[in-house]
C-alpha atoms as a PDB file:
ATOM      1  CA  MET A   1     -93.570  13.878 -63.446  1.00  0.00           C
ATOM      2  CA  ARG A   2     -91.672  10.696 -64.322  1.00  0.00           C
ATOM      3  CA  VAL A   3     -92.688  11.055 -68.000  1.00  0.00           C
ATOM      4  CA  TRP A   4     -91.389  14.615 -68.191  1.00  0.00           C
ATOM      5  CA  ALA A   5     -88.139  13.601 -66.496  1.00  0.00           C
ATOM      6  CA  ILE A   6     -87.540  10.811 -69.040  1.00  0.00           C
ATOM      7  CA  ALA A   7     -88.391  13.168 -71.960  1.00  0.00           C
ATOM      8  CA  GLY A   8     -86.013  15.822 -70.624  1.00  0.00           C
ATOM      9  CA  GLU A   9     -83.202  13.291 -70.289  1.00  0.00           C
ATOM     10  CA  ALA A  10     -83.731  12.086 -73.884  1.00  0.00           C
ATOM     11  CA  ILE A  11     -83.755  15.662 -75.271  1.00  0.00           C
ATOM     12  CA  PHE A  12     -80.569  16.438 -73.287  1.00  0.00           C
ATOM     13  CA  GLN A  13     -78.837  13.392 -74.804  1.00  0.00           C
ATOM     14  CA  ASN A  14     -79.935  14.435 -78.341  1.00  0.00           C
ATOM     15  CA  GLY A  15     -78.591  17.969 -77.721  1.00  0.00           C
ATOM     16  CA  GLN A  16     -75.234  16.565 -76.613  1.00  0.00           C
ATOM     17  CA  ALA A  17     -75.038  14.414 -79.759  1.00  0.00           C
ATOM     18  CA  GLU A  18     -75.803  17.416 -82.016  1.00  0.00           C
ATOM     19  CA  GLU A  19     -73.192  19.574 -80.233  1.00  0.00           C
ATOM     20  CA  ALA A  20     -70.604  16.857 -80.725  1.00  0.00           C
ATOM     21  CA  ALA A  21     -71.482  16.667 -84.426  1.00  0.00           C
ATOM     22  CA  GLU A  22     -71.206  20.443 -84.834  1.00  0.00           C
ATOM     23  CA  LYS A  23     -67.843  20.454 -83.084  1.00  0.00           C
ATOM     24  CA  ASP A  24     -66.598  17.891 -85.550  1.00  0.00           C
ATOM     25  CA  VAL A  25     -67.766  19.975 -88.552  1.00  0.00           C
ATOM     26  CA  ILE A  26     -67.218  23.639 -87.613  1.00  0.00           C
ATOM     27  CA  MET A  27     -63.565  24.573 -87.406  1.00  0.00           C
ATOM     28  CA  ASP A  28     -61.763  27.809 -88.134  1.00  0.00           C
ATOM     29  CA  ASP A  29     -58.978  28.229 -90.649  1.00  0.00           C
ATOM     30  CA  GLY A  30     -56.257  27.817 -88.125  1.00  0.00           C
ATOM     31  CA  GLU A  31     -57.650  24.508 -86.924  1.00  0.00           C
ATOM     32  CA  PHE A  32     -58.149  23.444 -90.546  1.00  0.00           C
ATOM     33  CA  LEU A  33     -54.532  24.151 -91.369  1.00  0.00           C
ATOM     34  CA  LYS A  34     -53.390  22.403 -88.229  1.00  0.00           C
ATOM     35  CA  SER A  35     -55.447  19.402 -89.207  1.00  0.00           C
ATOM     36  CA  LEU A  36     -53.999  19.385 -92.698  1.00  0.00           C
ATOM     37  CA  GLN A  37     -50.505  19.555 -91.285  1.00  0.00           C
ATOM     38  CA  THR A  38     -51.332  16.775 -88.863  1.00  0.00           C
ATOM     39  CA  LYS A  39     -52.677  14.628 -91.702  1.00  0.00           C
ATOM     40  CA  LYS A  40     -49.625  15.574 -93.792  1.00  0.00           C
ATOM     41  CA  MET A  41     -51.839  17.014 -96.560  1.00  0.00           C
ATOM     42  CA  LEU A  42     -49.944  20.385 -96.815  1.00  0.00           C
ATOM     43  CA  PRO A  43     -46.651  20.480 -98.715  1.00  0.00           C
ATOM     44  CA  HIS A  44     -43.510  21.097 -96.846  1.00  0.00           C
ATOM     45  CA  THR A  45     -41.934  24.486 -97.526  1.00  0.00           C
ATOM     46  CA  LEU A  46     -38.586  24.119 -99.125  1.00  0.00           C
ATOM     47  CA  VAL A  47     -35.724  26.193 -97.777  1.00  0.00           C
ATOM     48  CA  LEU A  48     -34.407  28.013-100.793  1.00  0.00           C
ATOM     49  CA  GLU A  49     -32.064  30.738 -99.732  1.00  0.00           C
ATOM     50  CA  HIS A  50     -29.854  30.956-102.826  1.00  0.00           C
ATOM     51  CA  VAL A  51     -32.372  30.429-105.681  1.00  0.00           C
ATOM     52  CA  CYS A  52     -33.705  32.781-108.280  1.00  0.00           C
ATOM     53  CA  PRO A  53     -37.102  34.466-108.046  1.00  0.00           C
ATOM     54  CA  ALA A  54     -38.529  32.339-110.841  1.00  0.00           C
ATOM     55  CA  THR A  55     -37.716  29.186-108.929  1.00  0.00           C
ATOM     56  CA  ARG A  56     -39.314  30.652-105.852  1.00  0.00           C
ATOM     57  CA  LEU A  57     -42.413  31.566-107.898  1.00  0.00           C
ATOM     58  CA  LEU A  58     -42.644  28.034-109.222  1.00  0.00           C
ATOM     59  CA  GLU A  59     -42.243  26.747-105.683  1.00  0.00           C
ATOM     60  CA  LYS A  60     -45.041  29.023-104.508  1.00  0.00           C
ATOM     61  CA  ARG A  61     -47.276  27.886-107.383  1.00  0.00           C
ATOM     62  CA  ARG A  62     -46.515  24.271-106.563  1.00  0.00           C
ATOM     63  CA  GLN A  63     -47.452  24.919-102.929  1.00  0.00           C
ATOM     64  CA  MET A  64     -50.652  26.727-104.008  1.00  0.00           C
ATOM     65  CA  PHE A  65     -51.555  23.820-106.266  1.00  0.00           C
ATOM     66  CA  GLU A  66     -51.008  21.342-103.449  1.00  0.00           C
ATOM     67  CA  VAL A  67     -53.015  23.513-101.071  1.00  0.00           C
ATOM     68  CA  GLN A  68     -55.800  23.706-103.685  1.00  0.00           C
ATOM     69  CA  GLU A  69     -55.820  19.932-103.982  1.00  0.00           C
ATOM     70  CA  ALA A  70     -55.891  19.620-100.202  1.00  0.00           C
ATOM     71  CA  LEU A  71     -58.805  22.057-100.046  1.00  0.00           C
ATOM     72  CA  GLU A  72     -60.677  20.080-102.705  1.00  0.00           C
ATOM     73  CA  ALA A  73     -60.068  16.892-100.759  1.00  0.00           C
ATOM     74  CA  HIS A  74     -61.199  18.541 -97.566  1.00  0.00           C
ATOM     75  CA  LYS A  75     -64.293  19.924 -99.349  1.00  0.00           C
ATOM     76  CA  GLN A  76     -65.162  16.457-100.552  1.00  0.00           C
ATOM     77  CA  GLU A  77     -64.594  15.153 -97.027  1.00  0.00           C
ATOM     78  CA  PHE A  78     -66.761  17.970 -95.676  1.00  0.00           C
ATOM     79  CA  ASN A  79     -69.537  17.174 -98.190  1.00  0.00           C
ATOM     80  CA  ARG A  80     -69.328  13.523 -97.286  1.00  0.00           C
ATOM     81  CA  LYS A  81     -69.541  14.342 -93.560  1.00  0.00           C
ATOM     82  CA  GLU A  82     -72.408  16.750 -94.301  1.00  0.00           C
ATOM     83  CA  GLU A  83     -74.332  13.927 -95.986  1.00  0.00           C
ATOM     84  CA  VAL A  84     -73.536  11.676 -93.019  1.00  0.00           C
ATOM     85  CA  PHE A  85     -74.719  14.351 -90.605  1.00  0.00           C
ATOM     86  CA  LYS A  86     -77.902  14.916 -92.613  1.00  0.00           C
ATOM     87  CA  ARG A  87     -78.632  11.207 -92.472  1.00  0.00           C
ATOM     88  CA  ARG A  88     -77.771  11.218 -88.780  1.00  0.00           C
ATOM     89  CA  GLU A  89     -80.061  14.247 -88.259  1.00  0.00           C
ATOM     90  CA  GLU A  90     -82.895  12.459 -90.065  1.00  0.00           C
ATOM     91  CA  GLY A  91     -82.231   9.416 -87.900  1.00  0.00           C
ATOM     92  CA  LEU A  92     -82.300  11.596 -84.795  1.00  0.00           C
ATOM     93  CA  LYS A  93     -85.586  13.130 -85.916  1.00  0.00           C
ATOM     94  CA  ARG A  94     -87.033   9.670 -86.447  1.00  0.00           C
ATOM     95  CA  LYS A  95     -85.721   8.614 -83.069  1.00  0.00           C
ATOM     96  CA  ASP A  96     -87.211  11.791 -81.564  1.00  0.00           C
ATOM     97  CA  LEU A  97     -90.592  10.957 -83.067  1.00  0.00           C
ATOM     98  CA  GLU A  98     -90.266   7.388 -81.870  1.00  0.00           C
ATOM     99  CA  LEU A  99     -89.255   8.670 -78.441  1.00  0.00           C
ATOM    100  CA  GLN A 100     -92.298  10.958 -78.331  1.00  0.00           C
ATOM    101  CA  GLU A 101     -94.540   8.096 -79.362  1.00  0.00           C
ATOM    102  CA  SER A 102     -92.920   5.859 -76.765  1.00  0.00           C
ATOM    103  CA  LEU A 103     -93.395   8.616 -74.174  1.00  0.00           C
ATOM    104  CA  ILE A 104     -97.065   8.837 -75.080  1.00  0.00           C
ATOM    105  CA  ARG A 105     -97.378   5.074 -74.820  1.00  0.00           C
ATOM    106  CA  PHE A 106     -95.441   5.133 -71.559  1.00  0.00           C
ATOM    107  CA  SER A 107     -97.732   7.889 -70.197  1.00  0.00           C
ATOM    108  CA  LYS A 108    -100.750   5.776 -71.090  1.00  0.00           C
ATOM    109  CA  PHE A 109     -99.016   2.800 -69.516  1.00  0.00           C
ATOM    110  CA  LEU A 110     -98.403   4.792 -66.304  1.00  0.00           C
ATOM    111  CA  GLN A 111    -102.010   5.955 -66.233  1.00  0.00           C
ATOM    112  CA  GLU A 112    -103.169   2.389 -66.676  1.00  0.00           C
ATOM    113  CA  ASN A 113    -100.735   1.305 -63.957  1.00  0.00           C
ATOM    114  CA  ASP A 114    -102.072   4.008 -61.611  1.00  0.00           C
ATOM    115  CA  SER A 115    -105.604   2.849 -62.295  1.00  0.00           C
ATOM    116  CA  LYS A 116    -104.557  -0.776 -61.786  1.00  0.00           C
ATOM    117  CA  ARG A 117    -102.665   0.180 -58.638  1.00  0.00           C
ATOM    118  CA  SER A 118    -105.728   1.991 -57.254  1.00  0.00           C
ATOM    119  CA  ARG A 119    -107.880  -1.021 -58.016  1.00  0.00           C
ATOM    120  CA  ALA A 120    -105.240  -3.324 -56.529  1.00  0.00           C
ATOM    121  CA  GLU A 121    -104.987  -1.193 -53.367  1.00  0.00           C
ATOM    122  CA  LYS A 122    -108.767  -1.181 -53.011  1.00  0.00           C
ATOM    123  CA  LYS A 123    -108.822  -4.906 -53.602  1.00  0.00           C
ATOM    124  CA  ALA A 124    -105.988  -5.383 -51.082  1.00  0.00           C
ATOM    125  CA  ALA A 125    -107.885  -3.299 -48.506  1.00  0.00           C
ATOM    126  CA  ASP A 126    -110.996  -5.385 -49.131  1.00  0.00           C
ATOM    127  CA  GLU A 127    -108.912  -8.552 -48.855  1.00  0.00           C
ATOM    128  CA  ILE A 128    -107.372  -7.352 -45.574  1.00  0.00           C
ATOM    129  CA  LYS A 129    -110.810  -6.484 -44.222  1.00  0.00           C
ATOM    130  CA  SER A 130    -112.132  -9.863 -45.331  1.00  0.00           C
ATOM    131  CA  ARG A 131    -109.071 -11.584 -43.852  1.00  0.00           C
ATOM    132  CA  LEU A 132    -109.548  -9.846 -40.501  1.00  0.00           C
ATOM    133  CA  GLN A 133    -113.227 -10.803 -40.530  1.00  0.00           C
ATOM    134  CA  LYS A 134    -112.318 -14.393 -41.348  1.00  0.00           C
ATOM    135  CA  GLU A 135    -109.677 -14.389 -38.599  1.00  0.00           C
ATOM    136  CA  LYS A 136    -112.310 -13.208 -36.120  1.00  0.00           C
ATOM    137  CA  GLU A 137    -114.646 -15.927 -37.337  1.00  0.00           C
ATOM    138  CA  ILE A 138    -111.822 -18.475 -37.059  1.00  0.00           C
ATOM    139  CA  GLU A 139    -111.086 -17.342 -33.494  1.00  0.00           C
ATOM    140  CA  ALA A 140    -114.790 -17.620 -32.621  1.00  0.00           C
ATOM    141  CA  LEU A 141    -114.978 -21.058 -34.210  1.00  0.00           C
ATOM    142  CA  GLN A 142    -111.788 -22.103 -32.418  1.00  0.00           C
ATOM    143  CA  ASP A 143    -113.315 -20.995 -29.113  1.00  0.00           C
ATOM    144  CA  THR A 144    -116.465 -22.959 -29.982  1.00  0.00           C
ATOM    145  CA  LEU A 145    -114.296 -25.921 -30.945  1.00  0.00           C
ATOM    146  CA  GLU A 146    -112.415 -25.720 -27.657  1.00  0.00           C
ATOM    147  CA  GLY A 147    -115.725 -25.617 -25.799  1.00  0.00           C
ATOM    148  CA  LEU A 148    -116.979 -28.624 -27.752  1.00  0.00           C
ATOM    149  CA  LYS A 149    -113.726 -30.464 -27.054  1.00  0.00           C
ATOM    150  CA  THR A 150    -114.089 -29.698 -23.348  1.00  0.00           C
ATOM    151  CA  GLU A 151    -117.708 -30.851 -23.410  1.00  0.00           C
ATOM    152  CA  LYS A 152    -116.649 -33.953 -25.329  1.00  0.00           C
ATOM    153  CA  GLU A 153    -114.013 -34.729 -22.711  1.00  0.00           C
ATOM    154  CA  LYS A 154    -116.603 -34.290 -19.932  1.00  0.00           C
ATOM    155  CA  VAL A 155    -119.087 -36.540 -21.756  1.00  0.00           C
ATOM    156  CA  HIS A 156    -116.312 -39.074 -22.346  1.00  0.00           C
ATOM    157  CA  GLU A 157    -115.430 -39.011 -18.640  1.00  0.00           C
ATOM    158  CA  ILE A 158    -119.121 -39.512 -17.749  1.00  0.00           C
ATOM    159  CA  LEU A 159    -119.277 -42.347 -20.259  1.00  0.00           C
ATOM    160  CA  GLU A 160    -116.171 -43.945 -18.765  1.00  0.00           C
ATOM    161  CA  LYS A 161    -117.712 -43.652 -15.296  1.00  0.00           C
ATOM    162  CA  ASN A 162    -121.023 -45.153 -16.473  1.00  0.00           C
ATOM    163  CA  MET A 163    -119.381 -48.017 -18.362  1.00  0.00           C
ATOM    164  CA  ARG A 164    -118.743 -49.787 -15.080  1.00  0.00           C
ATOM    165  CA  TYR A 165    -122.514 -49.903 -14.525  1.00  0.00           C
ATOM    166  CA  GLN A 166    -122.885 -51.463 -17.963  1.00  0.00           C
ATOM    167  CA  HIS A 167    -120.291 -54.094 -17.055  1.00  0.00           C
ATOM    168  CA  TYR A 168    -122.001 -54.619 -13.704  1.00  0.00           C
ATOM    169  CA  LEU A 169    -125.394 -55.204 -15.387  1.00  0.00           C
ATOM    170  CA  GLU A 170    -123.837 -57.673 -17.820  1.00  0.00           C
ATOM    171  CA  THR A 171    -122.254 -59.495 -14.880  1.00  0.00           C
ATOM    172  CA  VAL A 172    -125.651 -59.618 -13.123  1.00  0.00           C
ATOM    173  CA  LEU A 173    -127.254 -61.119 -16.241  1.00  0.00           C
ATOM    174  CA  GLU A 174    -124.594 -63.828 -16.279  1.00  0.00           C
ATOM    175  CA  VAL A 175    -125.333 -64.703 -12.655  1.00  0.00           C
ATOM    176  CA  VAL A 176    -129.168 -64.366 -12.620  1.00  0.00           C
ATOM    177  CA  ASP A 177    -131.207 -66.573 -14.974  1.00  0.00           C
ATOM    178  CA  GLU A 178    -134.492 -64.693 -14.426  1.00  0.00           C
ATOM    179  CA  TYR A 179    -133.546 -61.868 -16.836  1.00  0.00           C
ATOM    180  CA  GLN A 180    -132.126 -62.353 -20.311  1.00  0.00           C
ATOM    181  CA  GLU A 181    -131.499 -58.769 -21.451  1.00  0.00           C
ATOM    182  CA  VAL A 182    -130.313 -55.566 -19.826  1.00  0.00           C
ATOM    183  CA  PRO A 183    -133.557 -53.638 -20.679  1.00  0.00           C
ATOM    184  CA  GLU A 184    -135.583 -56.238 -18.732  1.00  0.00           C
ATOM    185  CA  LEU A 185    -133.327 -55.755 -15.745  1.00  0.00           C
ATOM    186  CA  LEU A 186    -133.602 -51.986 -16.062  1.00  0.00           C
ATOM    187  CA  MET A 187    -137.400 -52.220 -16.316  1.00  0.00           C
ATOM    188  CA  ARG A 188    -137.501 -54.341 -13.156  1.00  0.00           C
ATOM    189  CA  HIS A 189    -135.272 -51.808 -11.469  1.00  0.00           C
ATOM    190  CA  ALA A 190    -137.589 -48.973 -12.541  1.00  0.00           C
ATOM    191  CA  THR A 191    -140.599 -50.861 -11.143  1.00  0.00           C
ATOM    192  CA  LEU A 192    -138.861 -51.502  -7.846  1.00  0.00           C
ATOM    193  CA  LYS A 193    -137.768 -47.870  -7.776  1.00  0.00           C
ATOM    194  CA  VAL A 194    -141.359 -46.661  -8.187  1.00  0.00           C
ATOM    195  CA  THR A 195    -142.538 -49.087  -5.495  1.00  0.00           C
ATOM    196  CA  ASN A 196    -139.725 -47.932  -3.208  1.00  0.00           C
ATOM    197  CA  HIS A 197    -140.710 -44.324  -3.868  1.00  0.00           C
ATOM    198  CA  ASP A 198    -144.338 -45.067  -2.923  1.00  0.00           C
ATOM    199  CA  LEU A 199    -143.239 -46.838   0.244  1.00  0.00           C
ATOM    200  CA  ASN A 200    -140.947 -43.944   1.113  1.00  0.00           C
ATOM    201  CA  GLU A 201    -143.796 -41.489   0.594  1.00  0.00           C
ATOM    202  CA  HIS A 202    -146.048 -43.552   2.891  1.00  0.00           C
ATOM    203  CA  GLN A 203    -143.250 -43.732   5.456  1.00  0.00           C
ATOM    204  CA  LYS A 204    -142.768 -39.986   5.227  1.00  0.00           C
ATOM    205  CA  GLN A 205    -146.475 -39.435   5.835  1.00  0.00           C
ATOM    206  CA  LEU A 206    -146.356 -41.663   8.915  1.00  0.00           C
ATOM    207  CA  GLU A 207    -143.227 -39.918  10.109  1.00  0.00           C
ATOM    208  CA  GLU A 208    -144.849 -36.531   9.561  1.00  0.00           C
ATOM    209  CA  LEU A 209    -147.897 -37.642  11.594  1.00  0.00           C
ATOM    210  CA  THR A 210    -145.602 -38.932  14.348  1.00  0.00           C
ATOM    211  CA  GLU A 211    -143.564 -35.748  14.236  1.00  0.00           C
ATOM    212  CA  LYS A 212    -146.742 -33.673  14.422  1.00  0.00           C
ATOM    213  CA  THR A 213    -147.928 -35.536  17.515  1.00  0.00           C
ATOM    214  CA  ARG A 214    -144.489 -35.325  19.055  1.00  0.00           C
ATOM    215  CA  ALA A 215    -144.345 -31.642  18.217  1.00  0.00           C
ATOM    216  CA  GLU A 216    -147.686 -31.011  19.917  1.00  0.00           C
ATOM    217  CA  LEU A 217    -146.432 -32.813  23.026  1.00  0.00           C
ATOM    218  CA  GLN A 218    -143.183 -30.931  22.960  1.00  0.00           C
ATOM    219  CA  ASN A 219    -145.053 -27.669  22.418  1.00  0.00           C
ATOM    220  CA  TYR A 220    -147.197 -28.278  25.503  1.00  0.00           C
ATOM    221  CA  VAL A 221    -144.150 -29.216  27.590  1.00  0.00           C
ATOM    222  CA  ARG A 222    -142.264 -26.242  26.207  1.00  0.00           C
ATOM    223  CA  GLN A 223    -145.078 -23.843  27.038  1.00  0.00           C
ATOM    224  CA  LYS A 224    -145.162 -24.975  30.637  1.00  0.00           C
ATOM    225  CA  THR A 225    -141.393 -24.991  30.864  1.00  0.00           C
ATOM    226  CA  GLU A 226    -141.281 -21.516  29.349  1.00  0.00           C
ATOM    227  CA  SER A 227    -143.807 -20.262  31.856  1.00  0.00           C
ATOM    228  CA  ILE A 228    -141.599 -21.504  34.676  1.00  0.00           C
ATOM    229  CA  LEU A 229    -138.527 -20.114  33.013  1.00  0.00           C
ATOM    230  CA  ASN A 230    -140.184 -16.740  32.468  1.00  0.00           C
ATOM    231  CA  LEU A 231    -140.881 -16.410  36.129  1.00  0.00           C
ATOM    232  CA  ASN A 232    -137.302 -17.389  36.974  1.00  0.00           C
ATOM    233  CA  ASN A 233    -136.034 -15.008  34.285  1.00  0.00           C
ATOM    234  CA  LYS A 234    -138.021 -12.121  35.715  1.00  0.00           C
ATOM    235  CA  LEU A 235    -136.479 -12.753  39.098  1.00  0.00           C
ATOM    236  CA  SER A 236    -133.037 -13.046  37.555  1.00  0.00           C
ATOM    237  CA  ASN A 237    -133.566  -9.886  35.477  1.00  0.00           C
ATOM    238  CA  LEU A 238    -134.539  -7.905  38.527  1.00  0.00           C
ATOM    239  CA  LYS A 239    -131.369  -9.054  40.273  1.00  0.00           C
ATOM    240  CA  LYS A 240    -129.333  -8.183  37.192  1.00  0.00           C
ATOM    241  CA  GLU A 241    -130.947  -4.764  36.970  1.00  0.00           C
ATOM    242  CA  LEU A 242    -129.971  -4.090  40.568  1.00  0.00           C
ATOM    243  CA  GLU A 243    -126.405  -5.220  39.888  1.00  0.00           C
ATOM    244  CA  GLY A 244    -126.376  -3.153  36.684  1.00  0.00           C
ATOM    245  CA  TYR A 245    -127.472  -0.023  38.496  1.00  0.00           C
ATOM    246  CA  GLU A 246    -124.761  -0.549  41.069  1.00  0.00           C
ATOM    247  CA  ALA A 247    -122.124  -1.195  38.362  1.00  0.00           C
ATOM    248  CA  GLU A 248    -123.318   1.834  36.384  1.00  0.00           C
ATOM    249  CA  ALA A 249    -122.999   4.051  39.436  1.00  0.00           C
ATOM    250  CA  LEU A 250    -119.486   2.739  39.996  1.00  0.00           C
ATOM    251  CA  ALA A 251    -118.619   3.287  36.314  1.00  0.00           C
ATOM    252  CA  HIS A 252    -119.919   6.865  36.431  1.00  0.00           C
ATOM    253  CA  GLU A 253    -117.775   7.522  39.462  1.00  0.00           C
ATOM    254  CA  THR A 254    -114.727   6.010  37.730  1.00  0.00           C
ATOM    255  CA  ARG A 255    -115.319   8.009  34.520  1.00  0.00           C
ATOM    256  CA  LYS A 256    -115.728  11.187  36.528  1.00  0.00           C
ATOM    257  CA  ASP A 257    -112.371  10.620  38.260  1.00  0.00           C
ATOM    258  CA  TYR A 258    -110.715   9.809  34.948  1.00  0.00           C
ATOM    259  CA  SER A 259    -112.205  12.880  33.255  1.00  0.00           C
ATOM    260  CA  LEU A 260    -110.934  15.086  36.044  1.00  0.00           C
ATOM    261  CA  GLN A 261    -107.476  13.511  35.740  1.00  0.00           C
ATOM    262  CA  VAL A 262    -107.397  13.921  31.937  1.00  0.00           C
ATOM    263  CA  ALA A 263    -108.607  17.536  32.206  1.00  0.00           C
ATOM    264  CA  SER A 264    -105.873  18.300  34.718  1.00  0.00           C
ATOM    265  CA  GLN A 265    -103.250  16.693  32.489  1.00  0.00           C
ATOM    266  CA  LYS A 266    -104.446  18.592  29.402  1.00  0.00           C
ATOM    267  CA  THR A 267    -104.571  21.846  31.342  1.00  0.00           C
ATOM    268  CA  LEU A 268    -100.994  21.244  32.464  1.00  0.00           C
ATOM    269  CA  GLU A 269     -99.847  20.414  28.930  1.00  0.00           C
ATOM    270  CA  PHE A 270    -101.650  23.432  27.495  1.00  0.00           C
ATOM    271  CA  GLY A 271     -99.975  25.691  30.046  1.00  0.00           C
ATOM    272  CA  GLN A 272     -96.564  24.200  29.210  1.00  0.00           C
ATOM    273  CA  VAL A 273     -97.168  24.707  25.483  1.00  0.00           C
ATOM    274  CA  ILE A 274     -98.257  28.321  26.019  1.00  0.00           C
ATOM    275  CA  MET A 275     -95.213  29.008  28.187  1.00  0.00           C
ATOM    276  CA  SER A 276     -92.847  27.387  25.661  1.00  0.00           C
ATOM    277  CA  THR A 277     -94.470  29.282  22.788  1.00  0.00           C
ATOM    278  CA  ASP A 278     -94.222  32.573  24.675  1.00  0.00           C
ATOM    279  CA  ASN A 279     -90.569  31.892  25.562  1.00  0.00           C
ATOM    280  CA  ILE A 280     -89.606  31.056  21.960  1.00  0.00           C
ATOM    281  CA  PHE A 281     -91.624  34.032  20.682  1.00  0.00           C
ATOM    282  CA  ASN A 282     -89.778  36.420  23.005  1.00  0.00           C
ATOM    283  CA  ARG A 283     -86.403  34.977  21.938  1.00  0.00           C
ATOM    284  CA  CYS A 284     -87.293  35.334  18.226  1.00  0.00           C
ATOM    285  CA  ARG A 285     -88.675  38.835  18.829  1.00  0.00           C
ATOM    286  CA  ASN A 286     -85.504  39.903  20.658  1.00  0.00           C
ATOM    287  CA  ARG A 287     -83.176  38.487  17.987  1.00  0.00           C
ATOM    288  CA  SER A 288     -85.204  39.572  14.967  1.00  0.00           C
ATOM    289  CA  ARG A 289     -84.639  42.973  13.377  1.00  0.00           C
ATOM    290  CA  ILE A 290     -88.350  43.261  12.632  1.00  0.00           C
ATOM    291  CA  ALA A 291     -90.310  45.079  15.311  1.00  0.00           C
ATOM    292  CA  HIS A 292     -92.960  42.485  16.049  1.00  0.00           C
ATOM    293  CA  PRO A 293     -95.727  43.566  18.431  1.00  0.00           C
ATOM    294  CA  ALA A 294     -96.009  41.832  21.767  1.00  0.00           C
ATOM    295  CA  GLU A 295     -98.554  39.170  20.795  1.00  0.00           C
ATOM    296  CA  THR A 296    -100.432  37.202  23.450  1.00  0.00           C
ATOM    297  CA  ASN A 297    -102.329  34.873  21.134  1.00  0.00           C
ATOM    298  CA  PRO A 298    -100.403  31.558  20.868  1.00  0.00           C
ATOM    299  CA  LEU A 299    -101.421  31.069  17.212  1.00  0.00           C
ATOM    300  CA  GLU A 300    -100.062  34.471  16.199  1.00  0.00           C
ATOM    301  CA  GLN A 301     -96.905  33.794  18.222  1.00  0.00           C
ATOM    302  CA  LEU A 302     -96.444  30.456  16.379  1.00  0.00           C
ATOM    303  CA  GLU A 303     -96.880  32.237  13.034  1.00  0.00           C
ATOM    304  CA  VAL A 304     -94.131  34.730  13.958  1.00  0.00           C
ATOM    305  CA  ILE A 305     -91.860  31.856  15.078  1.00  0.00           C
ATOM    306  CA  GLY A 306     -92.465  30.002  11.790  1.00  0.00           C
ATOM    307  CA  ASN A 307     -91.657  33.079   9.709  1.00  0.00           C
ATOM    308  CA  TYR A 308     -88.467  33.693  11.725  1.00  0.00           C
ATOM    309  CA  ILE A 309     -87.273  30.096  11.289  1.00  0.00           C
ATOM    310  CA  SER A 310     -88.071  30.212   7.532  1.00  0.00           C
ATOM    311  CA  ASP A 311     -86.082  33.450   7.141  1.00  0.00           C
ATOM    312  CA  LEU A 312     -83.197  32.023   9.162  1.00  0.00           C
ATOM    313  CA  GLY A 313     -83.132  28.880   6.968  1.00  0.00           C
ATOM    314  CA  ALA A 314     -83.101  31.018   3.813  1.00  0.00           C
ATOM    315  CA  ILE A 315     -80.186  33.089   5.183  1.00  0.00           C
ATOM    316  CA  ILE A 316     -78.231  29.919   5.996  1.00  0.00           C
ATOM    317  CA  ARG A 317     -78.788  28.524   2.491  1.00  0.00           C
ATOM    318  CA  GLN A 318     -77.744  31.849   0.926  1.00  0.00           C
ATOM    319  CA  ASN A 319     -74.579  31.908   3.074  1.00  0.00           C
ATOM    320  CA  LYS A 320     -73.713  28.337   1.980  1.00  0.00           C
ATOM    321  CA  LEU A 321     -74.164  29.285  -1.674  1.00  0.00           C
ATOM    322  CA  GLU A 322     -71.855  32.309  -1.279  1.00  0.00           C
ATOM    323  CA  GLN A 323     -69.220  30.145   0.428  1.00  0.00           C
ATOM    324  CA  LEU A 324     -69.471  27.611  -2.407  1.00  0.00           C
ATOM    325  CA  ARG A 325     -69.044  30.406  -4.996  1.00  0.00           C
ATOM    326  CA  LYS A 326     -65.995  31.761  -3.157  1.00  0.00           C
ATOM    327  CA  ALA A 327     -64.485  28.280  -2.937  1.00  0.00           C
ATOM    328  CA  GLN A 328     -65.159  27.763  -6.671  1.00  0.00           C
ATOM    329  CA  LYS A 329     -63.492  31.096  -7.541  1.00  0.00           C
ATOM    330  CA  HIS A 330     -60.506  30.205  -5.376  1.00  0.00           C
ATOM    331  CA  ASP A 331     -60.194  26.806  -7.089  1.00  0.00           C
ATOM    332  CA  ASP A 332     -60.424  28.484 -10.496  1.00  0.00           C
ATOM    333  CA  LYS A 333     -57.626  30.956  -9.562  1.00  0.00           C
ATOM    334  CA  ASN A 334     -55.433  28.092  -8.360  1.00  0.00           C
ATOM    335  CA  ALA A 335     -56.115  26.189 -11.556  1.00  0.00           C
ATOM    336  CA  LEU A 336     -55.130  29.217 -13.645  1.00  0.00           C
ATOM    337  CA  LEU A 337     -51.918  29.698 -11.640  1.00  0.00           C
END
């Protein structure tokens, strides 16, 4: 589309140039005469009022001769311009051919650019995809690096804590002459640690044996104590059962009195609600224009009351809207006056 637009613009410019050239060449007789007069190529007509016809004829011949010379000069000028226009036309044709060739080259250039652009876009998409993948890898590596830094800091803190033991061992070597190197001291410590572990194991075995004997003694004492306690517990449980039965009988009596009281209260409230509902129902039935039957069911009475109140609310809202409309009309009339 861009190629055709450029070609159309070039052809339009060539057409304008040719029209301008034709306007310069093609002129009618009147314009030709006007141009000759403008260029002062026509002879001036002499005013001869009181001359003989022969003189006038000579004057006319002189004017015709001058006009003929002017026409010959104009013809030569026209031929010269025609040659110039022919050369200009040939130049325009060459330029047209060059323009067509340049348009063909430009079309090929655009096609190559489109192909390059497609390849560049594909390459850019691949680069973006690769960049996003690399960014994800960088984020993962940064997380790993942060974890390694954290682990390094923890190891460094442990090393700082353990360095005091290194200094302590070096101080011990300076004080004690029996050991010359830290590994010897550590080996002696390991030996003493193993010996201490063996002694602790032996002590644990003795303690376990002592604990087992003590446990057997305690178990025997506990069995006898439990036997005594079981007998006492049975006696205590029997007393508690007796007290429980007495308390349960008292609780049943109390709950019975409370249930009777609650039932009386609810019966009273139910009667009050039924009376109130019946009273309101009769008032709504008397004031309503709808002939409602004399209902005795409280639920149906409540439904009638609800419908009456809903209708009354709707009537009130409608009345307010009409009053607002009347007030608005009155305000509009006052504004017009």
